[in-house]
PDB file of N, CA and C in Angstrom:
ATOM      1  N   UNK A   1     -16.767  12.292   4.222  1.00  0.00           N
ATOM      2  CA  UNK A   1     -16.596  10.768   4.824  1.00  0.00           C
ATOM      3  C   UNK A   1     -15.429  11.417   5.967  1.00  0.00           C
ATOM      4  N   UNK A   2     -15.452  10.566   7.029  1.00  0.00           N
ATOM      5  CA  UNK A   2     -14.422  10.733   8.238  1.00  0.00           C
ATOM      6  C   UNK A   2     -13.744   9.208   7.956  1.00  0.00           C
ATOM      7  N   UNK A   3     -12.266   8.895   8.071  1.00  0.00           N
ATOM      8  CA  UNK A   3     -11.408   8.128   8.122  1.00  0.00           C
ATOM      9  C   UNK A   3     -10.932   7.748   9.109  1.00  0.00           C
ATOM     10  N   UNK A   4     -10.558   6.370   9.337  1.00  0.00           N
ATOM     11  CA  UNK A   4     -10.116   6.080  10.878  1.00  0.00           C
ATOM     12  C   UNK A   4      -8.033   6.680  10.627  1.00  0.00           C
ATOM     13  N   UNK A   5      -7.865   7.491   9.893  1.00  0.00           N
ATOM     14  CA  UNK A   5      -6.626   7.966   9.868  1.00  0.00           C
ATOM     15  C   UNK A   5      -6.298   8.621   8.555  1.00  0.00           C
ATOM     16  N   UNK A   6      -4.655   8.684   8.333  1.00  0.00           N
ATOM     17  CA  UNK A   6      -4.568   9.450   7.314  1.00  0.00           C
ATOM     18  C   UNK A   6      -4.075   8.442   5.961  1.00  0.00           C
ATOM     19  N   UNK A   7      -4.089   8.857   4.995  1.00  0.00           N
ATOM     20  CA  UNK A   7      -4.115   8.064   3.542  1.00  0.00           C
ATOM     21  C   UNK A   7      -3.994   8.553   2.493  1.00  0.00           C
ATOM     22  N   UNK A   8      -3.305   7.853   1.864  1.00  0.00           N
ATOM     23  CA  UNK A   8      -2.787   8.089   0.270  1.00  0.00           C
ATOM     24  C   UNK A   8      -3.191   7.161  -0.601  1.00  0.00           C
ATOM     25  N   UNK A   9      -3.706   7.230  -1.969  1.00  0.00           N
ATOM     26  CA  UNK A   9      -4.426   6.717  -3.170  1.00  0.00           C
ATOM     27  C   UNK A   9      -3.877   7.152  -4.299  1.00  0.00           C
ATOM     28  N   UNK A  10      -3.558   6.167  -5.318  1.00  0.00           N
ATOM     29  CA  UNK A  10      -3.450   6.474  -7.099  1.00  0.00           C
ATOM     30  C   UNK A  10      -4.590   5.968  -7.493  1.00  0.00           C
ATOM     31  N   UNK A  11      -5.169   6.054  -8.403  1.00  0.00           N
ATOM     32  CA  UNK A  11      -5.830   5.197  -9.459  1.00  0.00           C
ATOM     33  C   UNK A  11      -4.833   4.542 -10.458  1.00  0.00           C
ATOM     34  N   UNK A  12      -5.009   3.446 -10.953  1.00  0.00           N
ATOM     35  CA  UNK A  12      -4.393   2.902 -11.922  1.00  0.00           C
ATOM     36  C   UNK A  12      -4.859   2.911 -13.390  1.00  0.00           C
ATOM     37  N   UNK A  13      -4.337   3.245 -14.221  1.00  0.00           N
ATOM     38  CA  UNK A  13      -4.885   3.711 -15.822  1.00  0.00           C
ATOM     39  C   UNK A  13      -6.097   2.564 -15.756  1.00  0.00           C
ATOM     40  N   UNK A  14      -6.085   0.981 -15.899  1.00  0.00           N
ATOM     41  CA  UNK A  14      -7.352   0.071 -16.063  1.00  0.00           C
ATOM     42  C   UNK A  14      -6.898  -0.563 -14.320  1.00  0.00           C
ATOM     43  N   UNK A  15      -7.744  -1.402 -14.181  1.00  0.00           N
ATOM     44  CA  UNK A  15      -7.891  -2.438 -13.440  1.00  0.00           C
ATOM     45  C   UNK A  15      -6.876  -3.705 -13.428  1.00  0.00           C
ATOM     46  N   UNK A  16      -5.389  -3.762 -12.694  1.00  0.00           N
ATOM     47  CA  UNK A  16      -4.446  -4.169 -12.687  1.00  0.00           C
ATOM     48  C   UNK A  16      -4.030  -5.624 -11.513  1.00  0.00           C
ATOM     49  N   UNK A  17      -3.678  -6.468 -12.035  1.00  0.00           N
ATOM     50  CA  UNK A  17      -3.349  -7.379 -10.841  1.00  0.00           C
ATOM     51  C   UNK A  17      -1.854  -6.727 -10.315  1.00  0.00           C
ATOM     52  N   UNK A  18      -1.932  -6.494  -9.163  1.00  0.00           N
ATOM     53  CA  UNK A  18      -0.534  -5.900  -8.365  1.00  0.00           C
ATOM     54  C   UNK A  18      -0.269  -7.458  -7.401  1.00  0.00           C
ATOM     55  N   UNK A  19       1.144  -7.458  -7.672  1.00  0.00           N
ATOM     56  CA  UNK A  19       1.870  -8.565  -7.108  1.00  0.00           C
ATOM     57  C   UNK A  19       2.815  -8.031  -5.710  1.00  0.00           C
ATOM     58  N   UNK A  20       3.548  -6.808  -5.834  1.00  0.00           N
ATOM     59  CA  UNK A  20       3.765  -6.269  -5.032  1.00  0.00           C
ATOM     60  C   UNK A  20       3.988  -4.555  -4.736  1.00  0.00           C
ATOM     61  N   UNK A  21       4.116  -3.563  -3.747  1.00  0.00           N
ATOM     62  CA  UNK A  21       4.124  -2.425  -3.965  1.00  0.00           C
ATOM     63  C   UNK A  21       5.329  -2.047  -2.829  1.00  0.00           C
ATOM     64  N   UNK A  22       6.117  -0.725  -3.341  1.00  0.00           N
ATOM     65  CA  UNK A  22       7.461  -0.677  -2.636  1.00  0.00           C
ATOM     66  C   UNK A  22       7.032   1.047  -2.089  1.00  0.00           C
ATOM     67  N   UNK A  23       7.235   1.132  -0.617  1.00  0.00           N
ATOM     68  CA  UNK A  23       7.270   2.557  -0.408  1.00  0.00           C
ATOM     69  C   UNK A  23       8.655   2.901   0.385  1.00  0.00           C
ATOM     70  N   UNK A  24       9.138   3.491  -0.435  1.00  0.00           N
ATOM     71  CA  UNK A  24      10.140   4.451   0.275  1.00  0.00           C
ATOM     72  C   UNK A  24       9.770   5.914   1.561  1.00  0.00           C
ATOM     73  N   UNK A  25      10.528   5.763   2.246  1.00  0.00           N
ATOM     74  CA  UNK A  25      10.245   6.673   3.367  1.00  0.00           C
ATOM     75  C   UNK A  25      11.048   8.166   3.162  1.00  0.00           C
ATOM     76  N   UNK A  26      10.891   9.237   3.982  1.00  0.00           N
ATOM     77  CA  UNK A  26      11.829  10.327   3.819  1.00  0.00           C
ATOM     78  C   UNK A  26      12.737  10.118   4.259  1.00  0.00           C
ATOM     79  N   UNK A  27      14.254  10.939   3.982  1.00  0.00           N
ATOM     80  CA  UNK A  27      15.407  11.155   4.449  1.00  0.00           C
ATOM     81  C   UNK A  27      15.424  12.131   5.543  1.00  0.00           C
ATOM     82  N   UNK A  28      14.815  13.313   5.426  1.00  0.00           N
ATOM     83  CA  UNK A  28      14.943  14.810   6.543  1.00  0.00           C
ATOM     84  C   UNK A  28      14.109  14.200   7.630  1.00  0.00           C
ATOM     85  N   UNK A  29      13.164  13.511   7.793  1.00  0.00           N
ATOM     86  CA  UNK A  29      12.454  13.871   9.286  1.00  0.00           C
ATOM     87  C   UNK A  29      11.411  12.655   8.947  1.00  0.00           C
ATOM     88  N   UNK A  30      10.620  12.402  10.168  1.00  0.00           N
ATOM     89  CA  UNK A  30       9.209  11.990  10.714  1.00  0.00           C
ATOM     90  C   UNK A  30       9.240  10.570  10.126  1.00  0.00           C
ATOM     91  N   UNK A  31      10.082   9.867   9.911  1.00  0.00           N
ATOM     92  CA  UNK A  31      10.324   8.541   9.438  1.00  0.00           C
ATOM     93  C   UNK A  31       9.114   7.780  10.657  1.00  0.00           C
ATOM     94  N   UNK A  32       9.770   7.931  11.654  1.00  0.00           N
ATOM     95  CA  UNK A  32       8.809   7.290  12.991  1.00  0.00           C
ATOM     96  C   UNK A  32       7.596   6.957  12.919  1.00  0.00           C
ATOM     97  N   UNK A  33       6.820   8.042  12.262  1.00  0.00           N
ATOM     98  CA  UNK A  33       5.512   8.705  12.270  1.00  0.00           C
ATOM     99  C   UNK A  33       4.755   7.228  11.510  1.00  0.00           C
ATOM    100  N   UNK A  34       5.607   6.725  10.299  1.00  0.00           N
ATOM    101  CA  UNK A  34       5.101   5.810   9.474  1.00  0.00           C
ATOM    102  C   UNK A  34       4.962   4.566  10.231  1.00  0.00           C
ATOM    103  N   UNK A  35       4.299   3.947  11.644  1.00  0.00           N
ATOM    104  CA  UNK A  35       4.177   3.226  12.418  1.00  0.00           C
ATOM    105  C   UNK A  35       3.180   2.495  12.322  1.00  0.00           C
ATOM    106  N   UNK A  36       2.893   1.330  11.691  1.00  0.00           N
ATOM    107  CA  UNK A  36       1.630   0.702  11.585  1.00  0.00           C
ATOM    108  C   UNK A  36       1.088   0.954  10.138  1.00  0.00           C
ATOM    109  N   UNK A  37       1.683   1.224   9.247  1.00  0.00           N
ATOM    110  CA  UNK A  37       0.864   1.414   7.590  1.00  0.00           C
ATOM    111  C   UNK A  37       0.730   0.378   7.027  1.00  0.00           C
ATOM    112  N   UNK A  38      -0.173   0.799   6.591  1.00  0.00           N
ATOM    113  CA  UNK A  38      -0.920  -0.656   5.188  1.00  0.00           C
ATOM    114  C   UNK A  38      -1.003  -0.370   4.101  1.00  0.00           C
ATOM    115  N   UNK A  39      -0.637  -1.589   3.130  1.00  0.00           N
ATOM    116  CA  UNK A  39      -0.429  -1.015   1.720  1.00  0.00           C
ATOM    117  C   UNK A  39      -2.626  -1.704   1.334  1.00  0.00           C
ATOM    118  N   UNK A  40      -3.170  -0.919   0.782  1.00  0.00           N
ATOM    119  CA  UNK A  40      -4.342  -1.752   0.403  1.00  0.00           C
ATOM    120  C   UNK A  40      -4.562  -1.605  -0.925  1.00  0.00           C
ATOM    121  N   UNK A  41      -5.144  -2.259  -1.904  1.00  0.00           N
ATOM    122  CA  UNK A  41      -5.654  -2.749  -3.094  1.00  0.00           C
ATOM    123  C   UNK A  41      -6.917  -3.203  -3.369  1.00  0.00           C
ATOM    124  N   UNK A  42      -7.678  -2.109  -4.244  1.00  0.00           N
ATOM    125  CA  UNK A  42      -9.034  -2.767  -4.955  1.00  0.00           C
ATOM    126  C   UNK A  42      -9.896  -1.749  -5.560  1.00  0.00           C
ATOM    127  N   UNK A  43     -10.891  -1.864  -5.613  1.00  0.00           N
ATOM    128  CA  UNK A  43     -11.984  -0.793  -6.560  1.00  0.00           C
ATOM    129  C   UNK A  43     -12.096  -0.056  -5.977  1.00  0.00           C
ATOM    130  N   UNK A  44     -12.364   0.299  -4.644  1.00  0.00           N
ATOM    131  CA  UNK A  44     -12.875   1.491  -3.958  1.00  0.00           C
ATOM    132  C   UNK A  44     -11.531   2.714  -4.162  1.00  0.00           C
ATOM    133  N   UNK A  45     -12.315   3.989  -4.453  1.00  0.00           N
ATOM    134  CA  UNK A  45     -11.388   4.949  -4.204  1.00  0.00           C
ATOM    135  C   UNK A  45     -11.155   5.705  -3.155  1.00  0.00           C
ATOM    136  N   UNK A  46     -11.702   5.349  -2.063  1.00  0.00           N
ATOM    137  CA  UNK A  46     -11.082   5.079  -0.628  1.00  0.00           C
ATOM    138  C   UNK A  46     -10.665   4.060  -0.098  1.00  0.00           C
ATOM    139  N   UNK A  47      -9.258   4.052   0.150  1.00  0.00           N
ATOM    140  CA  UNK A  47      -8.389   2.892   0.166  1.00  0.00           C
ATOM    141  C   UNK A  47      -8.856   2.099   1.550  1.00  0.00           C
ATOM    142  N   UNK A  48      -9.282   2.856   2.637  1.00  0.00           N
ATOM    143  CA  UNK A  48      -9.533   2.155   3.962  1.00  0.00           C
ATOM    144  C   UNK A  48     -10.872   0.737   3.515  1.00  0.00           C
ATOM    145  N   UNK A  49     -11.771   1.119   2.345  1.00  0.00           N
ATOM    146  CA  UNK A  49     -12.270   0.288   2.111  1.00  0.00           C
ATOM    147  C   UNK A  49     -11.997  -1.241   1.189  1.00  0.00           C
ATOM    148  N   UNK A  50     -10.629  -1.062   0.727  1.00  0.00           N
ATOM    149  CA  UNK A  50     -10.166  -2.104   0.332  1.00  0.00           C
ATOM    150  C   UNK A  50      -9.207  -3.093   0.852  1.00  0.00           C
ATOM    151  N   UNK A  51      -8.994  -4.342   0.396  1.00  0.00           N
ATOM    152  CA  UNK A  51      -8.282  -5.320   1.485  1.00  0.00           C
ATOM    153  C   UNK A  51      -7.129  -5.064   1.615  1.00  0.00           C
ATOM    154  N   UNK A  52      -6.457  -5.194   2.352  1.00  0.00           N
ATOM    155  CA  UNK A  52      -5.051  -4.775   3.023  1.00  0.00           C
ATOM    156  C   UNK A  52      -4.638  -5.960   2.010  1.00  0.00           C
ATOM    157  N   UNK A  53      -2.689  -5.726   1.793  1.00  0.00           N
ATOM    158  CA  UNK A  53      -1.736  -5.825   1.131  1.00  0.00           C
ATOM    159  C   UNK A  53      -0.910  -6.837   2.047  1.00  0.00           C
ATOM    160  N   UNK A  54      -0.840  -7.492   2.194  1.00  0.00           N
ATOM    161  CA  UNK A  54       0.330  -7.890   3.082  1.00  0.00           C
ATOM    162  C   UNK A  54      -0.043  -7.750   4.780  1.00  0.00           C
ATOM    163  N   UNK A  55       0.565  -7.496   5.488  1.00  0.00           N
ATOM    164  CA  UNK A  55       0.526  -7.224   7.001  1.00  0.00           C
ATOM    165  C   UNK A  55       0.845  -5.983   7.450  1.00  0.00           C
ATOM    166  N   UNK A  56       0.248  -5.349   8.634  1.00  0.00           N
ATOM    167  CA  UNK A  56       0.437  -4.154   8.970  1.00  0.00           C
ATOM    168  C   UNK A  56       2.003  -3.970   9.216  1.00  0.00           C
ATOM    169  N   UNK A  57       2.899  -2.797   8.764  1.00  0.00           N
ATOM    170  CA  UNK A  57       4.039  -2.772   8.372  1.00  0.00           C
ATOM    171  C   UNK A  57       4.510  -1.703   9.974  1.00  0.00           C
ATOM    172  N   UNK A  58       5.495  -2.148  10.257  1.00  0.00           N
ATOM    173  CA  UNK A  58       6.611  -1.155  11.251  1.00  0.00           C
ATOM    174  C   UNK A  58       6.966   0.078  10.511  1.00  0.00           C
ATOM    175  N   UNK A  59       7.259   1.216  11.359  1.00  0.00           N
ATOM    176  CA  UNK A  59       8.150   2.251  10.626  1.00  0.00           C
ATOM    177  C   UNK A  59       9.481   2.026  10.180  1.00  0.00           C
ATOM    178  N   UNK A  60       9.785   2.685   8.871  1.00  0.00           N
ATOM    179  CA  UNK A  60      10.877   2.556   8.358  1.00  0.00           C
ATOM    180  C   UNK A  60      12.252   3.018   8.997  1.00  0.00           C
ATOM    181  N   UNK A  61      12.970   2.944   8.500  1.00  0.00           N
ATOM    182  CA  UNK A  61      14.260   3.818   9.259  1.00  0.00           C
ATOM    183  C   UNK A  61      14.230   5.026   7.974  1.00  0.00           C
ATOM    184  N   UNK A  62      15.050   6.289   8.422  1.00  0.00           N
ATOM    185  CA  UNK A  62      15.520   7.441   7.711  1.00  0.00           C
ATOM    186  C   UNK A  62      15.555   7.219   6.286  1.00  0.00           C
ATOM    187  N   UNK A  63      15.047   7.337   5.211  1.00  0.00           N
ATOM    188  CA  UNK A  63      15.081   7.110   3.553  1.00  0.00           C
ATOM    189  C   UNK A  63      14.969   5.284   3.665  1.00  0.00           C
ATOM    190  N   UNK A  64      14.234   4.789   4.325  1.00  0.00           N
ATOM    191  CA  UNK A  64      14.555   3.269   4.364  1.00  0.00           C
ATOM    192  C   UNK A  64      13.301   3.105   2.983  1.00  0.00           C
ATOM    193  N   UNK A  65      13.267   1.991   2.514  1.00  0.00           N
ATOM    194  CA  UNK A  65      12.423   1.362   1.371  1.00  0.00           C
ATOM    195  C   UNK A  65      12.008  -0.116   1.973  1.00  0.00           C
ATOM    196  N   UNK A  66      10.690  -0.193   1.568  1.00  0.00           N
ATOM    197  CA  UNK A  66      10.407  -1.482   2.339  1.00  0.00           C
ATOM    198  C   UNK A  66       9.202  -1.968   0.911  1.00  0.00           C
ATOM    199  N   UNK A  67       9.679  -3.257   0.366  1.00  0.00           N
ATOM    200  CA  UNK A  67       8.521  -4.172  -0.397  1.00  0.00           C
ATOM    201  C   UNK A  67       7.395  -4.669   0.312  1.00  0.00           C
ATOM    202  N   UNK A  68       6.387  -4.246   0.177  1.00  0.00           N
ATOM    203  CA  UNK A  68       5.210  -5.586   0.439  1.00  0.00           C
ATOM    204  C   UNK A  68       4.556  -6.090  -0.568  1.00  0.00           C
ATOM    205  N   UNK A  69       4.366  -7.610  -0.025  1.00  0.00           N
ATOM    206  CA  UNK A  69       4.487  -8.835  -1.303  1.00  0.00           C
ATOM    207  C   UNK A  69       2.603  -8.438  -1.277  1.00  0.00           C
ATOM    208  N   UNK A  70       1.522  -8.838  -2.247  1.00  0.00           N
ATOM    209  CA  UNK A  70       0.399  -8.775  -2.732  1.00  0.00           C
ATOM    210  C   UNK A  70       0.273 -10.098  -2.441  1.00  0.00           C
ATOM    211  N   UNK A  71       0.581 -11.094  -2.352  1.00  0.00           N
ATOM    212  CA  UNK A  71      -0.047 -12.527  -2.754  1.00  0.00           C
ATOM    213  C   UNK A  71      -0.633 -13.061  -1.939  1.00  0.00           C
ATOM    214  N   UNK A  72      -1.741 -13.363  -2.354  1.00  0.00           N
ATOM    215  CA  UNK A  72      -2.939 -13.954  -1.987  1.00  0.00           C
ATOM    216  C   UNK A  72      -3.150 -15.591  -1.994  1.00  0.00           C
ATOM    217  N   UNK A  73      -3.272 -16.302  -1.103  1.00  0.00           N
ATOM    218  CA  UNK A  73      -3.504 -17.723  -1.059  1.00  0.00           C
ATOM    219  C   UNK A  73      -4.835 -18.285  -1.402  1.00  0.00           C
ATOM    220  N   UNK A  74      -5.659 -18.017  -1.646  1.00  0.00           N
ATOM    221  CA  UNK A  74      -7.467 -18.737  -1.768  1.00  0.00           C
ATOM    222  C   UNK A  74      -7.614 -18.824  -3.446  1.00  0.00           C
ATOM    223  N   UNK A  75      -8.004 -19.522  -3.937  1.00  0.00           N
ATOM    224  CA  UNK A  75      -8.671 -19.736  -5.670  1.00  0.00           C
ATOM    225  C   UNK A  75      -9.197 -18.702  -6.351  1.00  0.00           C
ATOM    226  N   UNK A  76      -9.663 -17.744  -5.606  1.00  0.00           N
ATOM    227  CA  UNK A  76     -10.452 -16.533  -5.989  1.00  0.00           C
ATOM    228  C   UNK A  76      -9.856 -15.651  -6.723  1.00  0.00           C
ATOM    229  N   UNK A  77      -8.508 -15.543  -6.386  1.00  0.00           N
ATOM    230  CA  UNK A  77      -7.185 -14.604  -7.446  1.00  0.00           C
ATOM    231  C   UNK A  77      -6.510 -15.629  -8.297  1.00  0.00           C
ATOM    232  N   UNK A  78      -6.831 -14.963  -9.540  1.00  0.00           N
ATOM    233  CA  UNK A  78      -6.018 -15.215 -10.455  1.00  0.00           C
ATOM    234  C   UNK A  78      -4.461 -14.945 -10.183  1.00  0.00           C
ATOM    235  N   UNK A  79      -3.404 -15.710 -10.421  1.00  0.00           N
ATOM    236  CA  UNK A  79      -2.067 -15.864 -10.701  1.00  0.00           C
ATOM    237  C   UNK A  79      -1.913 -15.350  -8.819  1.00  0.00           C
ATOM    238  N   UNK A  80      -2.548 -15.418  -7.709  1.00  0.00           N
ATOM    239  CA  UNK A  80      -1.954 -15.561  -6.657  1.00  0.00           C
ATOM    240  C   UNK A  80      -1.719 -14.171  -6.067  1.00  0.00           C
ATOM    241  N   UNK A  81      -2.374 -13.101  -6.779  1.00  0.00           N
ATOM    242  CA  UNK A  81      -1.778 -11.650  -6.805  1.00  0.00           C
ATOM    243  C   UNK A  81      -3.155 -11.025  -6.417  1.00  0.00           C
ATOM    244  N   UNK A  82      -3.105  -9.787  -5.483  1.00  0.00           N
ATOM    245  CA  UNK A  82      -4.581  -8.665  -5.976  1.00  0.00           C
ATOM    246  C   UNK A  82      -4.690  -8.035  -7.019  1.00  0.00           C
ATOM    247  N   UNK A  83      -5.874  -7.960  -7.291  1.00  0.00           N
ATOM    248  CA  UNK A  83      -6.355  -7.397  -8.474  1.00  0.00           C
ATOM    249  C   UNK A  83      -6.965  -5.687  -7.923  1.00  0.00           C
ATOM    250  N   UNK A  84      -7.111  -4.969  -8.562  1.00  0.00           N
ATOM    251  CA  UNK A  84      -7.893  -3.482  -8.652  1.00  0.00           C
ATOM    252  C   UNK A  84      -7.291  -2.424  -9.500  1.00  0.00           C
ATOM    253  N   UNK A  85      -8.269  -1.204  -8.785  1.00  0.00           N
ATOM    254  CA  UNK A  85      -8.148  -0.237  -9.591  1.00  0.00           C
ATOM    255  C   UNK A  85      -7.310   1.015  -8.946  1.00  0.00           C
ATOM    256  N   UNK A  86      -7.043   0.625  -7.811  1.00  0.00           N
ATOM    257  CA  UNK A  86      -6.727   1.562  -6.763  1.00  0.00           C
ATOM    258  C   UNK A  86      -5.571   1.438  -6.103  1.00  0.00           C
ATOM    259  N   UNK A  87      -4.541   1.842  -5.651  1.00  0.00           N
ATOM    260  CA  UNK A  87      -3.288   1.316  -4.553  1.00  0.00           C
ATOM    261  C   UNK A  87      -3.336   2.509  -3.751  1.00  0.00           C
ATOM    262  N   UNK A  88      -3.398   1.769  -2.245  1.00  0.00           N
ATOM    263  CA  UNK A  88      -3.742   3.015  -1.309  1.00  0.00           C
ATOM    264  C   UNK A  88      -2.180   2.931  -0.278  1.00  0.00           C
ATOM    265  N   UNK A  89      -1.987   3.338   0.297  1.00  0.00           N
ATOM    266  CA  UNK A  89      -1.270   3.482   2.049  1.00  0.00           C
ATOM    267  C   UNK A  89      -1.896   4.153   2.844  1.00  0.00           C
ATOM    268  N   UNK A  90      -2.400   3.410   3.942  1.00  0.00           N
ATOM    269  CA  UNK A  90      -2.920   3.884   5.001  1.00  0.00           C
ATOM    270  C   UNK A  90      -2.334   3.536   5.992  1.00  0.00           C
ATOM    271  N   UNK A  91      -2.412   5.095   7.153  1.00  0.00           N
ATOM    272  CA  UNK A  91      -1.975   4.978   8.384  1.00  0.00           C
ATOM    273  C   UNK A  91      -3.060   5.187   9.291  1.00  0.00           C
ATOM    274  N   UNK A  92      -3.454   3.943  10.269  1.00  0.00           N
ATOM    275  CA  UNK A  92      -4.200   3.981  11.335  1.00  0.00           C
ATOM    276  C   UNK A  92      -3.999   5.020  12.364  1.00  0.00           C
ATOM    277  N   UNK A  93      -4.789   5.863  13.198  1.00  0.00           N
ATOM    278  CA  UNK A  93      -4.732   6.862  14.077  1.00  0.00           C
ATOM    279  C   UNK A  93      -4.437   8.493  13.671  1.00  0.00           C
ATOM    280  N   UNK A  94      -3.431   9.052  14.608  1.00  0.00           N
ATOM    281  CA  UNK A  94      -3.775  10.727  14.403  1.00  0.00           C
ATOM    282  C   UNK A  94      -2.471  11.284  13.570  1.00  0.00           C
ATOM    283  N   UNK A  95      -1.312  10.392  13.040  1.00  0.00           N
ATOM    284  CA  UNK A  95      -0.141  11.025  12.785  1.00  0.00           C
ATOM    285  C   UNK A  95      -0.196  11.030  11.332  1.00  0.00           C
ATOM    286  N   UNK A  96       0.074  12.204  10.966  1.00  0.00           N
ATOM    287  CA  UNK A  96       0.221  12.363   9.457  1.00  0.00           C
ATOM    288  C   UNK A  96       1.109  11.640   8.569  1.00  0.00           C
ATOM    289  N   UNK A  97       0.596  11.114   7.285  1.00  0.00           N
ATOM    290  CA  UNK A  97       1.539   9.992   6.522  1.00  0.00           C
ATOM    291  C   UNK A  97       1.921  11.242   5.754  1.00  0.00           C
ATOM    292  N   UNK A  98       3.442  10.338   5.734  1.00  0.00           N
ATOM    293  CA  UNK A  98       4.681  11.173   5.337  1.00  0.00           C
ATOM    294  C   UNK A  98       5.602  10.214   4.454  1.00  0.00           C
ATOM    295  N   UNK A  99       5.323  10.208   3.139  1.00  0.00           N
ATOM    296  CA  UNK A  99       5.965   9.202   2.188  1.00  0.00           C
ATOM    297  C   UNK A  99       6.661  10.011   1.184  1.00  0.00           C
ATOM    298  N   UNK A 100       7.756   9.477   0.612  1.00  0.00           N
ATOM    299  CA  UNK A 100       8.388  10.097  -0.269  1.00  0.00           C
ATOM    300  C   UNK A 100       8.209   9.314  -1.949  1.00  0.00           C
ATOM    301  N   UNK A 101       7.978   8.371  -2.074  1.00  0.00           N
ATOM    302  CA  UNK A 101       7.746   7.411  -3.016  1.00  0.00           C
ATOM    303  C   UNK A 101       7.030   6.191  -2.885  1.00  0.00           C
ATOM    304  N   UNK A 102       6.386   6.050  -4.262  1.00  0.00           N
ATOM    305  CA  UNK A 102       5.513   4.562  -3.896  1.00  0.00           C
ATOM    306  C   UNK A 102       5.157   3.935  -5.206  1.00  0.00           C
ATOM    307  N   UNK A 103       5.774   2.566  -5.523  1.00  0.00           N
ATOM    308  CA  UNK A 103       5.830   2.351  -6.304  1.00  0.00           C
ATOM    309  C   UNK A 103       4.832   0.812  -6.602  1.00  0.00           C
ATOM    310  N   UNK A 104       4.085   0.388  -7.392  1.00  0.00           N
ATOM    311  CA  UNK A 104       3.007  -0.553  -7.637  1.00  0.00           C
ATOM    312  C   UNK A 104       4.019  -1.854  -8.802  1.00  0.00           C
ATOM    313  N   UNK A 105       3.644  -2.727  -8.757  1.00  0.00           N
ATOM    314  CA  UNK A 105       4.371  -3.671  -9.641  1.00  0.00           C
ATOM    315  C   UNK A 105       3.449  -4.895  -9.943  1.00  0.00           C
ATOM    316  N   UNK A 106       3.170  -5.656 -11.235  1.00  0.00           N
ATOM    317  CA  UNK A 106       2.491  -6.687 -11.617  1.00  0.00           C
ATOM    318  C   UNK A 106       3.049  -7.546 -11.362  1.00  0.00           C
ATOM    319  N   UNK A 107       2.341  -8.624 -11.843  1.00  0.00           N
ATOM    320  CA  UNK A 107       3.405  -9.761 -11.753  1.00  0.00           C
ATOM    321  C   UNK A 107       4.563 -10.266 -12.797  1.00  0.00           C
ATOM    322  N   UNK A 108       5.364 -10.813 -12.546  1.00  0.00           N
ATOM    323  CA  UNK A 108       6.750 -11.187 -13.549  1.00  0.00           C
ATOM    324  C   UNK A 108       6.246 -11.880 -14.495  1.00  0.00           C
ATOM    325  N   UNK A 109       6.724 -11.968 -15.566  1.00  0.00           N
ATOM    326  CA  UNK A 109       6.444 -12.565 -17.046  1.00  0.00           C
ATOM    327  C   UNK A 109       7.738 -12.978 -17.555  1.00  0.00           C
ATOM    328  N   UNK A 110       7.954 -14.305 -17.762  1.00  0.00           N
ATOM    329  CA  UNK A 110       8.840 -14.587 -17.847  1.00  0.00           C
ATOM    330  C   UNK A 110       9.067 -14.864 -19.499  1.00  0.00           C
TER     331      UNK A 110
END
């Protein structure tokens, strides 16, 4: 099955609430390639089939880090966050996807 670009995905241990995802880029090269990337959260192993978390993102600076909020504004999502078994990063187009680190966080509990 072909996809519309490069992607990375991780399976969570259990279906989980995801409130934000933090992406860290590379220091050594290639950070400009990461322009137009998206975070996706859902139950499909193919991240292209899952809903987007936040907006499409611009390129990171060399070694840069960005946190994407996965809050949703409809009443179908408990706690206003996304839920799924997979967290993915997709990059539409033909550029390779170069990431240093991906961290997913659940809602804070005080």
